[in-house]
Amino acid sequence: MEISLTKLVSHVLRSFRDYLEEKGYVEVAVPRLVRASGACENVNTLFEVSVDGDLTWFNQKRGYLAQTGQLFLEAFVPFLCKVYCTGPSFRAEPRVDHRHLTEFQLLEIEFSGGFDHLLEEIEGIVHRMASDLLKNKDAENEFNLKEEDLRRLENCLQDFPRLTYDQAIELLSHLGQDILWGEDITSAMEQKITGYFNELPVFITRFPDPCWDFGKEIEVEKFFNMLPDPENPGRVLSCDLIMPHGGEAVGAAARVHEAEVLAQRLSHSRMFKRLVDRGGGWDDFEWYLDRIRENGCVPHAGGGFGLARIIQFIKGNRDIRESVSFISNKESLI
């Protein structure tokens, strides 16, 4: 167990909180035992909870370990405007490799505002994390950072390049990568992109809309409530922030805020089809849709920061397992 790593994680987490608190965000304690509404886009990676083998112990309902607090944060936006949460995200990830964990810390924000503001907030948070570390005159010793790590942090204190998904596909093709529109950008391709931009974090924006009725079969999977881009049919106002070493460290989007549109997009999503196959259905999201119908909602946006991947970027770690104090994957349970 590396003490300097634990101190670094604490320092970065404090920078995240300080940035948000100074801007008037309110921290919300979100539930970690949830219905499927606590899932990210792939419900097949949910850890299902049972008591003495009973999978419907919660009043005849299935319960899961939460992957995200997004929808719970969204419920507070009409009242508090700016909210955030921190905590574990649990994923039944079968791959045991340098990129994936079954438990990691996820830092999430939601606020009343639009897509451009979202990109500014993400960039501002990462800049704050980097600048706070650079202000620490003993950072090399205290956090076991190398000179090249400090140079990487100094380099990232500038505007991050922004590519649309379409532009990213064009760039990758230009760099000799075999990829078609609609396909996922792999971790190796992410590193090609950050390398092209001098090892800077890069925003990839406006991904294909998973609920689009036209065009070829789309393999990119995004959450059902991402807001369609009114100026670019078939795209959503979403972004990934990809980082050198860490890859996709932040996933974010502007959200649909109309209840009936949400219900329609949910019913047409791959996520919902998988949920039905697992025995779930509308009941899992009823509380969320009811809150929006009863309380109304406002245009809003938000996203999640994978803390371990941010630490990968800071320390230049190729392996995510070197960026957590306790490793959690299919082969490691303590």
C-alpha atoms as a PDB file:
ATOM      1  CA  MET A   1       0.000   0.000   0.000  1.00  0.00           C
ATOM      2  CA  GLU A   2       1.547   3.285  -1.190  1.00  0.00           C
ATOM      3  CA  ILE A   3       0.933   6.092   1.319  1.00  0.00           C
ATOM      4  CA  SER A   4       1.915   8.798  -1.179  1.00  0.00           C
ATOM      5  CA  LEU A   5      -0.807   7.549  -3.541  1.00  0.00           C
ATOM      6  CA  THR A   6      -3.445   7.748  -0.815  1.00  0.00           C
ATOM      7  CA  LYS A   7      -2.373  11.316  -0.033  1.00  0.00           C
ATOM      8  CA  LEU A   8      -2.507  12.219  -3.737  1.00  0.00           C
ATOM      9  CA  VAL A   9      -6.037  10.849  -4.088  1.00  0.00           C
ATOM     10  CA  SER A  10      -7.095  12.837  -1.015  1.00  0.00           C
ATOM     11  CA  HIS A  11      -5.538  16.015  -2.430  1.00  0.00           C
ATOM     12  CA  VAL A  12      -7.263  15.630  -5.821  1.00  0.00           C
ATOM     13  CA  LEU A  13     -10.607  14.886  -4.181  1.00  0.00           C
ATOM     14  CA  ARG A  14     -10.255  17.996  -2.005  1.00  0.00           C
ATOM     15  CA  SER A  15      -9.565  20.117  -5.108  1.00  0.00           C
ATOM     16  CA  PHE A  16     -12.734  18.753  -6.705  1.00  0.00           C
ATOM     17  CA  ARG A  17     -14.804  19.651  -3.652  1.00  0.00           C
ATOM     18  CA  ASP A  18     -13.198  23.068  -3.169  1.00  0.00           C
ATOM     19  CA  TYR A  19     -13.843  24.058  -6.785  1.00  0.00           C
ATOM     20  CA  LEU A  20     -17.513  23.119  -6.563  1.00  0.00           C
ATOM     21  CA  GLU A  21     -18.167  24.529  -3.093  1.00  0.00           C
ATOM     22  CA  GLU A  22     -16.679  27.871  -4.135  1.00  0.00           C
ATOM     23  CA  LYS A  23     -19.130  27.927  -7.055  1.00  0.00           C
ATOM     24  CA  GLY A  24     -22.143  27.216  -4.862  1.00  0.00           C
ATOM     25  CA  TYR A  25     -22.643  23.511  -5.516  1.00  0.00           C
ATOM     26  CA  VAL A  26     -24.376  21.459  -2.817  1.00  0.00           C
ATOM     27  CA  GLU A  27     -23.111  17.968  -1.991  1.00  0.00           C
ATOM     28  CA  VAL A  28     -25.853  15.328  -1.989  1.00  0.00           C
ATOM     29  CA  ALA A  29     -25.675  11.922  -0.303  1.00  0.00           C
ATOM     30  CA  VAL A  30     -27.121   9.583  -2.944  1.00  0.00           C
ATOM     31  CA  PRO A  31     -28.220   5.959  -2.366  1.00  0.00           C
ATOM     32  CA  ARG A  32     -25.884   3.073  -3.166  1.00  0.00           C
ATOM     33  CA  LEU A  33     -28.512   0.302  -2.971  1.00  0.00           C
ATOM     34  CA  VAL A  34     -30.826   1.052  -5.861  1.00  0.00           C
ATOM     35  CA  ARG A  35     -33.188  -0.098  -8.581  1.00  0.00           C
ATOM     36  CA  ALA A  36     -31.870  -0.229 -12.147  1.00  0.00           C
ATOM     37  CA  SER A  37     -32.140   3.575 -12.233  1.00  0.00           C
ATOM     38  CA  GLY A  38     -28.738   3.539 -10.543  1.00  0.00           C
ATOM     39  CA  ALA A  39     -27.154   1.960 -13.625  1.00  0.00           C
ATOM     40  CA  CYS A  40     -25.048   3.439 -16.368  1.00  0.00           C
ATOM     41  CA  GLU A  41     -25.946   2.549 -19.953  1.00  0.00           C
ATOM     42  CA  ASN A  42     -25.063  -1.160 -19.670  1.00  0.00           C
ATOM     43  CA  VAL A  43     -27.366  -2.798 -17.117  1.00  0.00           C
ATOM     44  CA  ASN A  44     -25.642  -6.125 -17.761  1.00  0.00           C
ATOM     45  CA  THR A  45     -22.780  -4.931 -15.548  1.00  0.00           C
ATOM     46  CA  LEU A  46     -24.966  -4.375 -12.475  1.00  0.00           C
ATOM     47  CA  PHE A  47     -24.160  -6.289  -9.302  1.00  0.00           C
ATOM     48  CA  GLU A  48     -27.445  -7.776  -8.117  1.00  0.00           C
ATOM     49  CA  VAL A  49     -28.090  -7.867  -4.363  1.00  0.00           C
ATOM     50  CA  SER A  50     -29.625 -10.831  -2.545  1.00  0.00           C
ATOM     51  CA  VAL A  51     -30.299 -11.728   1.087  1.00  0.00           C
ATOM     52  CA  ASP A  52     -30.099 -15.450   1.867  1.00  0.00           C
ATOM     53  CA  GLY A  53     -30.473 -16.085  -1.861  1.00  0.00           C
ATOM     54  CA  ASP A  54     -33.603 -13.933  -2.156  1.00  0.00           C
ATOM     55  CA  LEU A  55     -33.177 -11.547  -5.121  1.00  0.00           C
ATOM     56  CA  THR A  56     -36.454  -9.744  -4.375  1.00  0.00           C
ATOM     57  CA  TRP A  57     -35.780  -9.050  -0.693  1.00  0.00           C
ATOM     58  CA  PHE A  58     -36.590  -5.331  -1.166  1.00  0.00           C
ATOM     59  CA  ASN A  59     -40.396  -5.553  -1.078  1.00  0.00           C
ATOM     60  CA  GLN A  60     -40.407  -8.014  -3.992  1.00  0.00           C
ATOM     61  CA  LYS A  61     -38.149  -5.755  -6.046  1.00  0.00           C
ATOM     62  CA  ARG A  62     -34.669  -6.430  -7.373  1.00  0.00           C
ATOM     63  CA  GLY A  63     -31.876  -4.342  -5.882  1.00  0.00           C
ATOM     64  CA  TYR A  64     -28.422  -3.500  -7.197  1.00  0.00           C
ATOM     65  CA  LEU A  65     -25.180  -1.823  -6.166  1.00  0.00           C
ATOM     66  CA  ALA A  66     -25.215   1.661  -7.695  1.00  0.00           C
ATOM     67  CA  GLN A  67     -23.044   2.606 -10.641  1.00  0.00           C
ATOM     68  CA  THR A  68     -24.027   6.273 -10.728  1.00  0.00           C
ATOM     69  CA  GLY A  69     -25.898   8.868  -8.710  1.00  0.00           C
ATOM     70  CA  GLN A  70     -26.870  10.799 -11.844  1.00  0.00           C
ATOM     71  CA  LEU A  71     -30.653  10.497 -11.734  1.00  0.00           C
ATOM     72  CA  PHE A  72     -30.740  11.188  -8.000  1.00  0.00           C
ATOM     73  CA  LEU A  73     -28.716  14.359  -8.540  1.00  0.00           C
ATOM     74  CA  GLU A  74     -30.990  15.364 -11.409  1.00  0.00           C
ATOM     75  CA  ALA A  75     -33.985  15.198  -9.066  1.00  0.00           C
ATOM     76  CA  PHE A  76     -32.435  18.020  -6.996  1.00  0.00           C
ATOM     77  CA  VAL A  77     -31.462  20.347  -9.856  1.00  0.00           C
ATOM     78  CA  PRO A  78     -34.851  22.172 -10.068  1.00  0.00           C
ATOM     79  CA  PHE A  79     -34.490  23.098  -6.389  1.00  0.00           C
ATOM     80  CA  LEU A  80     -30.752  23.502  -5.757  1.00  0.00           C
ATOM     81  CA  CYS A  81     -29.474  24.336  -9.281  1.00  0.00           C
ATOM     82  CA  LYS A  82     -25.955  22.965  -8.652  1.00  0.00           C
ATOM     83  CA  VAL A  83     -25.310  19.598  -6.994  1.00  0.00           C
ATOM     84  CA  TYR A  84     -22.603  16.957  -6.778  1.00  0.00           C
ATOM     85  CA  CYS A  85     -21.796  13.635  -5.155  1.00  0.00           C
ATOM     86  CA  THR A  86     -18.815  11.379  -4.599  1.00  0.00           C
ATOM     87  CA  GLY A  87     -18.711   7.685  -3.905  1.00  0.00           C
ATOM     88  CA  PRO A  88     -18.100   4.192  -5.232  1.00  0.00           C
ATOM     89  CA  SER A  89     -19.310   2.911  -8.586  1.00  0.00           C
ATOM     90  CA  PHE A  90     -19.734  -0.858  -8.830  1.00  0.00           C
ATOM     91  CA  ARG A  91     -19.482  -2.677 -12.170  1.00  0.00           C
ATOM     92  CA  ALA A  92     -19.539  -6.411 -12.809  1.00  0.00           C
ATOM     93  CA  GLU A  93     -16.681  -6.028 -15.255  1.00  0.00           C
ATOM     94  CA  PRO A  94     -15.354  -9.441 -16.357  1.00  0.00           C
ATOM     95  CA  ARG A  95     -12.167  -8.061 -17.897  1.00  0.00           C
ATOM     96  CA  VAL A  96      -9.072  -8.152 -15.720  1.00  0.00           C
ATOM     97  CA  ASP A  97      -6.714  -5.723 -17.401  1.00  0.00           C
ATOM     98  CA  HIS A  98      -4.937  -2.381 -17.117  1.00  0.00           C
ATOM     99  CA  ARG A  99      -8.119  -0.339 -17.712  1.00  0.00           C
ATOM    100  CA  HIS A 100     -10.999  -1.816 -15.725  1.00  0.00           C
ATOM    101  CA  LEU A 101     -12.021  -2.199 -12.078  1.00  0.00           C
ATOM    102  CA  THR A 102     -15.139  -3.596 -10.439  1.00  0.00           C
ATOM    103  CA  GLU A 103     -15.192  -0.758  -7.899  1.00  0.00           C
ATOM    104  CA  PHE A 104     -13.862   2.772  -8.262  1.00  0.00           C
ATOM    105  CA  GLN A 105     -14.551   6.275  -7.003  1.00  0.00           C
ATOM    106  CA  LEU A 106     -16.855   8.342  -9.212  1.00  0.00           C
ATOM    107  CA  LEU A 107     -17.197  12.116  -8.781  1.00  0.00           C
ATOM    108  CA  GLU A 108     -20.395  13.511 -10.317  1.00  0.00           C
ATOM    109  CA  ILE A 109     -21.896  16.926 -11.003  1.00  0.00           C
ATOM    110  CA  GLU A 110     -25.296  18.155 -12.248  1.00  0.00           C
ATOM    111  CA  PHE A 111     -26.330  21.767 -12.729  1.00  0.00           C
ATOM    112  CA  SER A 112     -28.883  24.001 -14.359  1.00  0.00           C
ATOM    113  CA  GLY A 113     -27.234  25.042 -17.606  1.00  0.00           C
ATOM    114  CA  GLY A 114     -26.195  23.996 -21.082  1.00  0.00           C
ATOM    115  CA  PHE A 115     -23.586  22.027 -22.972  1.00  0.00           C
ATOM    116  CA  ASP A 116     -21.000  24.782 -23.438  1.00  0.00           C
ATOM    117  CA  HIS A 117     -21.078  25.513 -19.705  1.00  0.00           C
ATOM    118  CA  LEU A 118     -20.602  21.796 -19.052  1.00  0.00           C
ATOM    119  CA  LEU A 119     -17.370  21.708 -21.054  1.00  0.00           C
ATOM    120  CA  GLU A 120     -16.150  24.779 -19.171  1.00  0.00           C
ATOM    121  CA  GLU A 121     -16.905  23.195 -15.787  1.00  0.00           C
ATOM    122  CA  ILE A 122     -15.111  19.955 -16.646  1.00  0.00           C
ATOM    123  CA  GLU A 123     -12.060  21.838 -17.880  1.00  0.00           C
ATOM    124  CA  GLY A 124     -12.158  24.096 -14.820  1.00  0.00           C
ATOM    125  CA  ILE A 125     -12.249  21.141 -12.432  1.00  0.00           C
ATOM    126  CA  VAL A 126      -9.282  19.426 -14.089  1.00  0.00           C
ATOM    127  CA  HIS A 127      -7.354  22.705 -14.170  1.00  0.00           C
ATOM    128  CA  ARG A 128      -8.044  23.165 -10.445  1.00  0.00           C
ATOM    129  CA  MET A 129      -6.780  19.667  -9.664  1.00  0.00           C
ATOM    130  CA  ALA A 130      -3.581  20.323 -11.613  1.00  0.00           C
ATOM    131  CA  SER A 131      -2.932  23.853 -10.322  1.00  0.00           C
ATOM    132  CA  ASP A 132      -3.460  22.853  -6.683  1.00  0.00           C
ATOM    133  CA  LEU A 133      -0.841  20.134  -7.068  1.00  0.00           C
ATOM    134  CA  LEU A 134       1.594  22.509  -8.757  1.00  0.00           C
ATOM    135  CA  LYS A 135       1.204  25.000  -5.891  1.00  0.00           C
ATOM    136  CA  ASN A 136       2.462  22.346  -3.465  1.00  0.00           C
ATOM    137  CA  LYS A 137       6.217  22.931  -3.344  1.00  0.00           C
ATOM    138  CA  ASP A 138       6.793  19.454  -1.919  1.00  0.00           C
ATOM    139  CA  ALA A 139       4.568  17.626  -4.426  1.00  0.00           C
ATOM    140  CA  GLU A 140       7.423  15.490  -5.785  1.00  0.00           C
ATOM    141  CA  ASN A 141       8.206  14.038  -2.367  1.00  0.00           C
ATOM    142  CA  GLU A 142       4.747  14.065  -0.792  1.00  0.00           C
ATOM    143  CA  PHE A 143       2.950  12.457  -3.736  1.00  0.00           C
ATOM    144  CA  ASN A 144       5.898  10.642  -5.349  1.00  0.00           C
ATOM    145  CA  LEU A 145       5.569  12.669  -8.552  1.00  0.00           C
ATOM    146  CA  LYS A 146       8.350  12.835 -11.117  1.00  0.00           C
ATOM    147  CA  GLU A 147       9.504  15.917 -13.025  1.00  0.00           C
ATOM    148  CA  GLU A 148       7.760  14.635 -16.144  1.00  0.00           C
ATOM    149  CA  ASP A 149       4.514  14.365 -14.132  1.00  0.00           C
ATOM    150  CA  LEU A 150       4.784  18.010 -13.094  1.00  0.00           C
ATOM    151  CA  ARG A 151       5.483  19.022 -16.705  1.00  0.00           C
ATOM    152  CA  ARG A 152       2.369  17.101 -17.767  1.00  0.00           C
ATOM    153  CA  LEU A 153       0.311  19.015 -15.205  1.00  0.00           C
ATOM    154  CA  GLU A 154       1.762  22.361 -16.319  1.00  0.00           C
ATOM    155  CA  ASN A 155       1.054  21.490 -19.948  1.00  0.00           C
ATOM    156  CA  CYS A 156      -2.608  20.764 -19.232  1.00  0.00           C
ATOM    157  CA  LEU A 157      -3.245  24.264 -17.824  1.00  0.00           C
ATOM    158  CA  GLN A 158      -4.513  25.435 -21.208  1.00  0.00           C
ATOM    159  CA  ASP A 159      -7.687  25.043 -23.216  1.00  0.00           C
ATOM    160  CA  PHE A 160      -8.299  21.414 -24.094  1.00  0.00           C
ATOM    161  CA  PRO A 161      -8.663  20.579 -27.800  1.00  0.00           C
ATOM    162  CA  ARG A 162     -12.223  19.761 -28.847  1.00  0.00           C
ATOM    163  CA  LEU A 163     -13.205  17.299 -31.555  1.00  0.00           C
ATOM    164  CA  THR A 164     -16.642  16.133 -32.516  1.00  0.00           C
ATOM    165  CA  TYR A 165     -17.033  12.369 -32.765  1.00  0.00           C
ATOM    166  CA  ASP A 166     -17.173  12.756 -36.563  1.00  0.00           C
ATOM    167  CA  GLN A 167     -13.909  14.715 -36.549  1.00  0.00           C
ATOM    168  CA  ALA A 168     -12.299  12.118 -34.280  1.00  0.00           C
ATOM    169  CA  ILE A 169     -13.216   9.363 -36.742  1.00  0.00           C
ATOM    170  CA  GLU A 170     -11.693  11.404 -39.586  1.00  0.00           C
ATOM    171  CA  LEU A 171      -8.519  12.040 -37.586  1.00  0.00           C
ATOM    172  CA  LEU A 172      -8.130   8.380 -36.674  1.00  0.00           C
ATOM    173  CA  SER A 173      -8.581   7.354 -40.309  1.00  0.00           C
ATOM    174  CA  HIS A 174      -5.916   9.920 -41.251  1.00  0.00           C
ATOM    175  CA  LEU A 175      -3.626   8.361 -38.617  1.00  0.00           C
ATOM    176  CA  GLY A 176      -4.078   4.934 -40.211  1.00  0.00           C
ATOM    177  CA  GLN A 177      -6.642   3.504 -37.803  1.00  0.00           C
ATOM    178  CA  ASP A 178      -9.309   1.144 -39.145  1.00  0.00           C
ATOM    179  CA  ILE A 179     -12.569   2.587 -37.820  1.00  0.00           C
ATOM    180  CA  LEU A 180     -15.988   3.321 -39.295  1.00  0.00           C
ATOM    181  CA  TRP A 181     -18.545   5.904 -38.251  1.00  0.00           C
ATOM    182  CA  GLY A 182     -20.768   4.509 -35.499  1.00  0.00           C
ATOM    183  CA  GLU A 183     -18.059   2.348 -33.941  1.00  0.00           C
ATOM    184  CA  ASP A 184     -16.610   2.827 -30.475  1.00  0.00           C
ATOM    185  CA  ILE A 185     -13.260   4.562 -30.160  1.00  0.00           C
ATOM    186  CA  THR A 186     -10.947   2.073 -28.444  1.00  0.00           C
ATOM    187  CA  SER A 187      -8.517   2.887 -25.643  1.00  0.00           C
ATOM    188  CA  ALA A 188      -5.577   2.520 -28.050  1.00  0.00           C
ATOM    189  CA  MET A 189      -7.238   4.992 -30.409  1.00  0.00           C
ATOM    190  CA  GLU A 190      -7.801   7.417 -27.532  1.00  0.00           C
ATOM    191  CA  GLN A 191      -4.052   7.433 -26.913  1.00  0.00           C
ATOM    192  CA  LYS A 192      -3.445   8.111 -30.615  1.00  0.00           C
ATOM    193  CA  ILE A 193      -5.651  11.189 -30.332  1.00  0.00           C
ATOM    194  CA  THR A 194      -4.035  12.565 -27.164  1.00  0.00           C
ATOM    195  CA  GLY A 195      -0.612  11.908 -28.697  1.00  0.00           C
ATOM    196  CA  TYR A 196      -1.594  13.894 -31.783  1.00  0.00           C
ATOM    197  CA  PHE A 197      -2.421  16.834 -29.495  1.00  0.00           C
ATOM    198  CA  ASN A 198       0.906  16.806 -27.635  1.00  0.00           C
ATOM    199  CA  GLU A 199      -0.303  14.660 -24.721  1.00  0.00           C
ATOM    200  CA  LEU A 200      -3.136  16.996 -23.748  1.00  0.00           C
ATOM    201  CA  PRO A 201      -6.541  15.927 -22.464  1.00  0.00           C
ATOM    202  CA  VAL A 202      -8.976  16.088 -25.394  1.00  0.00           C
ATOM    203  CA  PHE A 203     -12.750  16.521 -25.517  1.00  0.00           C
ATOM    204  CA  ILE A 204     -14.632  14.282 -27.938  1.00  0.00           C
ATOM    205  CA  THR A 205     -18.135  15.669 -28.343  1.00  0.00           C
ATOM    206  CA  ARG A 206     -21.454  15.053 -30.102  1.00  0.00           C
ATOM    207  CA  PHE A 207     -21.526  11.275 -30.188  1.00  0.00           C
ATOM    208  CA  PRO A 208     -24.056   9.348 -32.299  1.00  0.00           C
ATOM    209  CA  ASP A 209     -27.551   9.343 -30.812  1.00  0.00           C
ATOM    210  CA  PRO A 210     -28.373   5.757 -29.731  1.00  0.00           C
ATOM    211  CA  CYS A 211     -32.073   6.508 -30.325  1.00  0.00           C
ATOM    212  CA  TRP A 212     -31.608   7.847 -33.859  1.00  0.00           C
ATOM    213  CA  ASP A 213     -33.941   6.206 -36.351  1.00  0.00           C
ATOM    214  CA  PHE A 214     -31.778   6.753 -39.396  1.00  0.00           C
ATOM    215  CA  GLY A 215     -28.350   5.725 -40.622  1.00  0.00           C
ATOM    216  CA  LYS A 216     -26.323   2.598 -40.060  1.00  0.00           C
ATOM    217  CA  GLU A 217     -26.371   0.424 -36.962  1.00  0.00           C
ATOM    218  CA  ILE A 218     -24.738   2.390 -34.149  1.00  0.00           C
ATOM    219  CA  GLU A 219     -22.381   0.573 -31.793  1.00  0.00           C
ATOM    220  CA  VAL A 220     -21.610   3.565 -29.585  1.00  0.00           C
ATOM    221  CA  GLU A 221     -23.680   3.273 -26.424  1.00  0.00           C
ATOM    222  CA  LYS A 222     -24.773   6.336 -24.497  1.00  0.00           C
ATOM    223  CA  PHE A 223     -27.292   6.952 -21.714  1.00  0.00           C
ATOM    224  CA  PHE A 224     -30.910   7.353 -22.837  1.00  0.00           C
ATOM    225  CA  ASN A 225     -31.465  10.870 -21.487  1.00  0.00           C
ATOM    226  CA  MET A 226     -28.686  12.600 -23.415  1.00  0.00           C
ATOM    227  CA  LEU A 227     -30.053  15.634 -25.233  1.00  0.00           C
ATOM    228  CA  PRO A 228     -30.173  15.405 -29.055  1.00  0.00           C
ATOM    229  CA  ASP A 229     -28.181  18.142 -30.778  1.00  0.00           C
ATOM    230  CA  PRO A 230     -30.740  20.390 -32.525  1.00  0.00           C
ATOM    231  CA  GLU A 231     -28.133  21.503 -35.075  1.00  0.00           C
ATOM    232  CA  ASN A 232     -26.773  18.034 -35.912  1.00  0.00           C
ATOM    233  CA  PRO A 233     -29.399  15.315 -36.460  1.00  0.00           C
ATOM    234  CA  GLY A 234     -28.328  11.922 -35.186  1.00  0.00           C
ATOM    235  CA  ARG A 235     -25.935  13.359 -32.598  1.00  0.00           C
ATOM    236  CA  VAL A 236     -26.311  14.046 -28.889  1.00  0.00           C
ATOM    237  CA  LEU A 237     -24.822  16.850 -26.811  1.00  0.00           C
ATOM    238  CA  SER A 238     -22.413  14.566 -24.998  1.00  0.00           C
ATOM    239  CA  CYS A 239     -18.690  14.523 -24.388  1.00  0.00           C
ATOM    240  CA  ASP A 240     -15.894  12.298 -23.207  1.00  0.00           C
ATOM    241  CA  LEU A 241     -12.710  13.817 -21.839  1.00  0.00           C
ATOM    242  CA  ILE A 242      -9.904  11.471 -22.818  1.00  0.00           C
ATOM    243  CA  MET A 243      -6.562  11.756 -21.058  1.00  0.00           C
ATOM    244  CA  PRO A 244      -3.043  10.556 -21.785  1.00  0.00           C
ATOM    245  CA  HIS A 245      -2.482   7.248 -19.979  1.00  0.00           C
ATOM    246  CA  GLY A 246      -5.964   7.191 -18.404  1.00  0.00           C
ATOM    247  CA  GLY A 247      -8.115   7.308 -21.530  1.00  0.00           C
ATOM    248  CA  GLU A 248     -11.777   8.206 -21.026  1.00  0.00           C
ATOM    249  CA  ALA A 249     -11.775   9.838 -17.592  1.00  0.00           C
ATOM    250  CA  VAL A 250     -14.949  11.933 -17.803  1.00  0.00           C
ATOM    251  CA  GLY A 251     -18.282  11.191 -19.438  1.00  0.00           C
ATOM    252  CA  ALA A 252     -20.872  13.963 -19.569  1.00  0.00           C
ATOM    253  CA  ALA A 253     -23.861  15.361 -21.436  1.00  0.00           C
ATOM    254  CA  ALA A 254     -26.685  17.851 -21.543  1.00  0.00           C
ATOM    255  CA  ARG A 255     -29.881  16.079 -20.421  1.00  0.00           C
ATOM    256  CA  VAL A 256     -33.387  15.762 -21.805  1.00  0.00           C
ATOM    257  CA  HIS A 257     -35.701  17.461 -19.294  1.00  0.00           C
ATOM    258  CA  GLU A 258     -39.166  16.702 -20.705  1.00  0.00           C
ATOM    259  CA  ALA A 259     -40.836  13.689 -19.083  1.00  0.00           C
ATOM    260  CA  GLU A 260     -42.592  12.306 -22.160  1.00  0.00           C
ATOM    261  CA  VAL A 261     -39.503  12.618 -24.340  1.00  0.00           C
ATOM    262  CA  LEU A 262     -37.517  10.844 -21.617  1.00  0.00           C
ATOM    263  CA  ALA A 263     -40.068   8.037 -21.475  1.00  0.00           C
ATOM    264  CA  GLN A 264     -39.954   7.617 -25.242  1.00  0.00           C
ATOM    265  CA  ARG A 265     -36.153   7.551 -25.370  1.00  0.00           C
ATOM    266  CA  LEU A 266     -35.981   5.118 -22.467  1.00  0.00           C
ATOM    267  CA  SER A 267     -38.396   2.697 -24.139  1.00  0.00           C
ATOM    268  CA  HIS A 268     -36.328   2.748 -27.359  1.00  0.00           C
ATOM    269  CA  SER A 269     -32.932   2.357 -25.695  1.00  0.00           C
ATOM    270  CA  ARG A 270     -30.718  -0.728 -25.649  1.00  0.00           C
ATOM    271  CA  MET A 271     -30.489  -0.213 -21.909  1.00  0.00           C
ATOM    272  CA  PHE A 272     -34.233  -0.735 -21.471  1.00  0.00           C
ATOM    273  CA  LYS A 273     -34.304  -3.801 -23.725  1.00  0.00           C
ATOM    274  CA  ARG A 274     -31.536  -5.387 -21.656  1.00  0.00           C
ATOM    275  CA  LEU A 275     -33.357  -4.454 -18.470  1.00  0.00           C
ATOM    276  CA  VAL A 276     -36.533  -6.183 -19.670  1.00  0.00           C
ATOM    277  CA  ASP A 277     -34.476  -9.279 -20.517  1.00  0.00           C
ATOM    278  CA  ARG A 278     -33.263  -9.279 -16.894  1.00  0.00           C
ATOM    279  CA  GLY A 279     -36.798  -9.101 -15.534  1.00  0.00           C
ATOM    280  CA  GLY A 280     -36.938  -5.342 -14.993  1.00  0.00           C
ATOM    281  CA  GLY A 281     -39.087  -2.681 -16.589  1.00  0.00           C
ATOM    282  CA  TRP A 282     -40.808   0.673 -16.174  1.00  0.00           C
ATOM    283  CA  ASP A 283     -41.045   0.267 -12.400  1.00  0.00           C
ATOM    284  CA  ASP A 284     -37.287   0.755 -12.143  1.00  0.00           C
ATOM    285  CA  PHE A 285     -37.539   4.302 -13.493  1.00  0.00           C
ATOM    286  CA  GLU A 286     -41.025   5.227 -12.302  1.00  0.00           C
ATOM    287  CA  TRP A 287     -39.818   7.355  -9.379  1.00  0.00           C
ATOM    288  CA  TYR A 288     -37.547   9.379 -11.704  1.00  0.00           C
ATOM    289  CA  LEU A 289     -40.209  10.076 -14.332  1.00  0.00           C
ATOM    290  CA  ASP A 290     -42.800  10.839 -11.636  1.00  0.00           C
ATOM    291  CA  ARG A 291     -40.478  13.398 -10.015  1.00  0.00           C
ATOM    292  CA  ILE A 292     -40.079  15.189 -13.331  1.00  0.00           C
ATOM    293  CA  ARG A 293     -43.820  15.101 -14.060  1.00  0.00           C
ATOM    294  CA  GLU A 294     -44.703  16.385 -10.580  1.00  0.00           C
ATOM    295  CA  ASN A 295     -41.932  18.910  -9.991  1.00  0.00           C
ATOM    296  CA  GLY A 296     -40.999  19.842 -13.516  1.00  0.00           C
ATOM    297  CA  CYS A 297     -37.420  20.182 -14.635  1.00  0.00           C
ATOM    298  CA  VAL A 298     -35.086  22.712 -16.209  1.00  0.00           C
ATOM    299  CA  PRO A 299     -32.442  22.469 -18.921  1.00  0.00           C
ATOM    300  CA  HIS A 300     -29.480  20.885 -17.197  1.00  0.00           C
ATOM    301  CA  ALA A 301     -26.244  19.001 -17.725  1.00  0.00           C
ATOM    302  CA  GLY A 302     -23.731  16.943 -15.809  1.00  0.00           C
ATOM    303  CA  GLY A 303     -21.152  14.208 -15.831  1.00  0.00           C
ATOM    304  CA  GLY A 304     -18.959  11.787 -13.942  1.00  0.00           C
ATOM    305  CA  PHE A 305     -15.199  11.872 -13.274  1.00  0.00           C
ATOM    306  CA  GLY A 306     -13.436   8.536 -12.835  1.00  0.00           C
ATOM    307  CA  LEU A 307     -10.970   9.339 -10.068  1.00  0.00           C
ATOM    308  CA  ALA A 308      -8.602   6.432 -10.754  1.00  0.00           C
ATOM    309  CA  ARG A 309      -8.199   7.415 -14.412  1.00  0.00           C
ATOM    310  CA  ILE A 310      -7.463  10.994 -13.422  1.00  0.00           C
ATOM    311  CA  ILE A 311      -4.765   9.667 -11.083  1.00  0.00           C
ATOM    312  CA  GLN A 312      -3.416   7.619 -14.007  1.00  0.00           C
ATOM    313  CA  PHE A 313      -3.031  10.831 -15.977  1.00  0.00           C
ATOM    314  CA  ILE A 314      -1.360  12.680 -13.109  1.00  0.00           C
ATOM    315  CA  LYS A 315       1.174   9.931 -12.387  1.00  0.00           C
ATOM    316  CA  GLY A 316       1.604   8.665 -15.944  1.00  0.00           C
ATOM    317  CA  ASN A 317       0.477   5.174 -14.957  1.00  0.00           C
ATOM    318  CA  ARG A 318      -0.258   2.783 -17.813  1.00  0.00           C
ATOM    319  CA  ASP A 319      -2.111   0.431 -15.459  1.00  0.00           C
ATOM    320  CA  ILE A 320      -5.180   1.604 -13.525  1.00  0.00           C
ATOM    321  CA  ARG A 321      -4.326  -0.880 -10.774  1.00  0.00           C
ATOM    322  CA  GLU A 322      -1.356   1.334  -9.898  1.00  0.00           C
ATOM    323  CA  SER A 323      -3.747   4.246  -9.294  1.00  0.00           C
ATOM    324  CA  VAL A 324      -5.852   2.814  -6.455  1.00  0.00           C
ATOM    325  CA  SER A 325      -4.889   1.861  -2.919  1.00  0.00           C
ATOM    326  CA  PHE A 326      -6.931  -1.349  -3.018  1.00  0.00           C
ATOM    327  CA  ILE A 327      -7.441  -3.230  -6.287  1.00  0.00           C
ATOM    328  CA  SER A 328     -10.942  -4.486  -7.031  1.00  0.00           C
ATOM    329  CA  ASN A 329     -11.498  -6.734 -10.043  1.00  0.00           C
ATOM    330  CA  LYS A 330     -12.805 -10.207 -10.826  1.00  0.00           C
ATOM    331  CA  GLU A 331      -9.581 -11.789  -9.566  1.00  0.00           C
ATOM    332  CA  SER A 332      -9.074  -9.544  -6.540  1.00  0.00           C
ATOM    333  CA  LEU A 333     -11.495  -9.288  -3.615  1.00  0.00           C
ATOM    334  CA  ILE A 334     -10.316  -8.306  -0.131  1.00  0.00           C
END
